[in-house]
C-alpha atoms as a PDB file:
ATOM      1  CA  MET A   1      -1.372   0.836  14.681  1.00  0.00           C
ATOM      2  CA  MET A   2       0.294   1.455  11.315  1.00  0.00           C
ATOM      3  CA  THR A   3      -0.095   5.204  12.034  1.00  0.00           C
ATOM      4  CA  LEU A   4       1.932   5.058  15.241  1.00  0.00           C
ATOM      5  CA  ILE A   5       4.535   3.042  13.397  1.00  0.00           C
ATOM      6  CA  ALA A   6       4.548   5.808  10.794  1.00  0.00           C
ATOM      7  CA  ILE A   7       5.053   8.347  13.357  1.00  0.00           C
ATOM      8  CA  PHE A   8       7.816   6.573  15.511  1.00  0.00           C
ATOM      9  CA  PHE A   9       9.450   4.535  12.689  1.00  0.00           C
ATOM     10  CA  PRO A  10       8.866   6.103   9.486  1.00  0.00           C
ATOM     11  CA  SER A  11      11.121   3.888   7.381  1.00  0.00           C
ATOM     12  CA  LEU A  12       9.675   0.791   8.745  1.00  0.00           C
ATOM     13  CA  SER A  13       6.192   1.831   7.589  1.00  0.00           C
ATOM     14  CA  PHE A  14       7.398   2.265   4.241  1.00  0.00           C
ATOM     15  CA  LEU A  15       9.297  -1.119   4.531  1.00  0.00           C
ATOM     16  CA  LEU A  16       6.087  -2.961   5.942  1.00  0.00           C
ATOM     17  CA  ARG A  17       4.218  -1.981   2.779  1.00  0.00           C
ATOM     18  CA  GLY A  18       6.864  -3.147   0.322  1.00  0.00           C
ATOM     19  CA  LYS A  19       8.251   0.110  -0.821  1.00  0.00           C
ATOM     20  CA  LEU A  20      11.960  -0.625  -0.404  1.00  0.00           C
ATOM     21  CA  LEU A  21      13.639   2.343  -1.980  1.00  0.00           C
ATOM     22  CA  THR A  22      11.283   4.680  -0.468  1.00  0.00           C
ATOM     23  CA  ALA A  23      12.006   3.049   2.870  1.00  0.00           C
ATOM     24  CA  LEU A  24      15.719   3.484   2.379  1.00  0.00           C
ATOM     25  CA  LEU A  25      15.367   7.115   1.325  1.00  0.00           C
ATOM     26  CA  CYS A  26      13.087   7.684   4.554  1.00  0.00           C
ATOM     27  CA  LEU A  27      15.820   5.993   6.553  1.00  0.00           C
ATOM     28  CA  VAL A  28      18.590   8.439   5.381  1.00  0.00           C
ATOM     29  CA  LEU A  29      16.247  11.310   6.055  1.00  0.00           C
ATOM     30  CA  GLN A  30      15.368  10.295   9.703  1.00  0.00           C
ATOM     31  CA  ILE A  31      18.837   9.415  10.901  1.00  0.00           C
ATOM     32  CA  THR A  32      19.007  13.285  11.505  1.00  0.00           C
ATOM     33  CA  LEU A  33      16.833  14.691  14.364  1.00  0.00           C
ATOM     34  CA  ILE A  34      15.818  17.530  12.050  1.00  0.00           C
ATOM     35  CA  GLY A  35      14.811  14.988   9.272  1.00  0.00           C
ATOM     36  CA  TRP A  36      12.760  12.846  11.667  1.00  0.00           C
ATOM     37  CA  ILE A  37       9.713  15.217  11.654  1.00  0.00           C
ATOM     38  CA  PRO A  38       9.500  15.465   7.740  1.00  0.00           C
ATOM     39  CA  ALA A  39      10.081  11.782   7.552  1.00  0.00           C
ATOM     40  CA  ALA A  40       7.326  10.881  10.088  1.00  0.00           C
ATOM     41  CA  VAL A  41       4.928  13.486   8.058  1.00  0.00           C
ATOM     42  CA  TRP A  42       5.787  12.004   4.912  1.00  0.00           C
ATOM     43  CA  ALA A  43       5.106   8.340   6.263  1.00  0.00           C
ATOM     44  CA  VAL A  44       1.699   9.333   7.884  1.00  0.00           C
ATOM     45  CA  LEU A  45       0.575  11.186   4.561  1.00  0.00           C
ATOM     46  CA  SER A  46       1.664   8.262   2.411  1.00  0.00           C
ATOM     47  CA  LEU A  47      -0.275   5.860   4.718  1.00  0.00           C
ATOM     48  CA  GLN A  48      -3.335   7.959   4.486  1.00  0.00           C
ATOM     49  CA  ASN A  49      -3.233   8.182   0.584  1.00  0.00           C
ATOM     50  CA  ALA A  50      -2.763   4.403   0.360  1.00  0.00           C
ATOM     51  CA  ARG A  51      -5.779   3.993   2.423  1.00  0.00           C
ATOM     52  CA  ALA A  52      -7.775   6.371   0.383  1.00  0.00           C
ATOM     53  CA  ASP A  53      -6.649   4.694  -2.926  1.00  0.00           C
ATOM     54  CA  ARG A  54      -7.711   1.388  -1.482  1.00  0.00           C
ATOM     55  CA  ARG A  55     -11.230   2.923  -0.499  1.00  0.00           C
ATOM     56  CA  ASP A  56     -11.739   4.455  -3.998  1.00  0.00           C
ATOM     57  CA  ALA A  57     -10.857   1.068  -5.598  1.00  0.00           C
ATOM     58  CA  LYS A  58     -13.549  -0.566  -3.475  1.00  0.00           C
ATOM     59  CA  LEU A  59     -16.100   2.168  -4.202  1.00  0.00           C
ATOM     60  CA  ILE A  60     -15.329   2.061  -8.129  1.00  0.00           C
ATOM     61  CA  LYS A  61     -15.641  -1.742  -7.784  1.00  0.00           C
ATOM     62  CA  ALA A  62     -18.892  -1.533  -6.196  1.00  0.00           C
ATOM     63  CA  LEU A  63     -20.315   1.020  -8.681  1.00  0.00           C
ATOM     64  CA  LYS A  64     -19.337  -1.120 -11.515  1.00  0.00           C
ATOM     65  CA  SER A  65     -20.994  -4.236 -10.279  1.00  0.00           C
ATOM     66  CA  LYS A  66     -24.346  -2.512 -10.254  1.00  0.00           C
END
């Protein structure tokens, strides 16, 4: 679901994750049609990186508890 939001509404994706300044910058970028594609790619990559960071944190926590 968040991936679709990141593709169609890139600035909303950042806003929902609490990144206000990044959402504003992304909104300025996506105002133009040419800027929409880089904004969507940026939002999707950022979302994937956030998911990877959460997964890594869970793995590190699990390894430390052993």
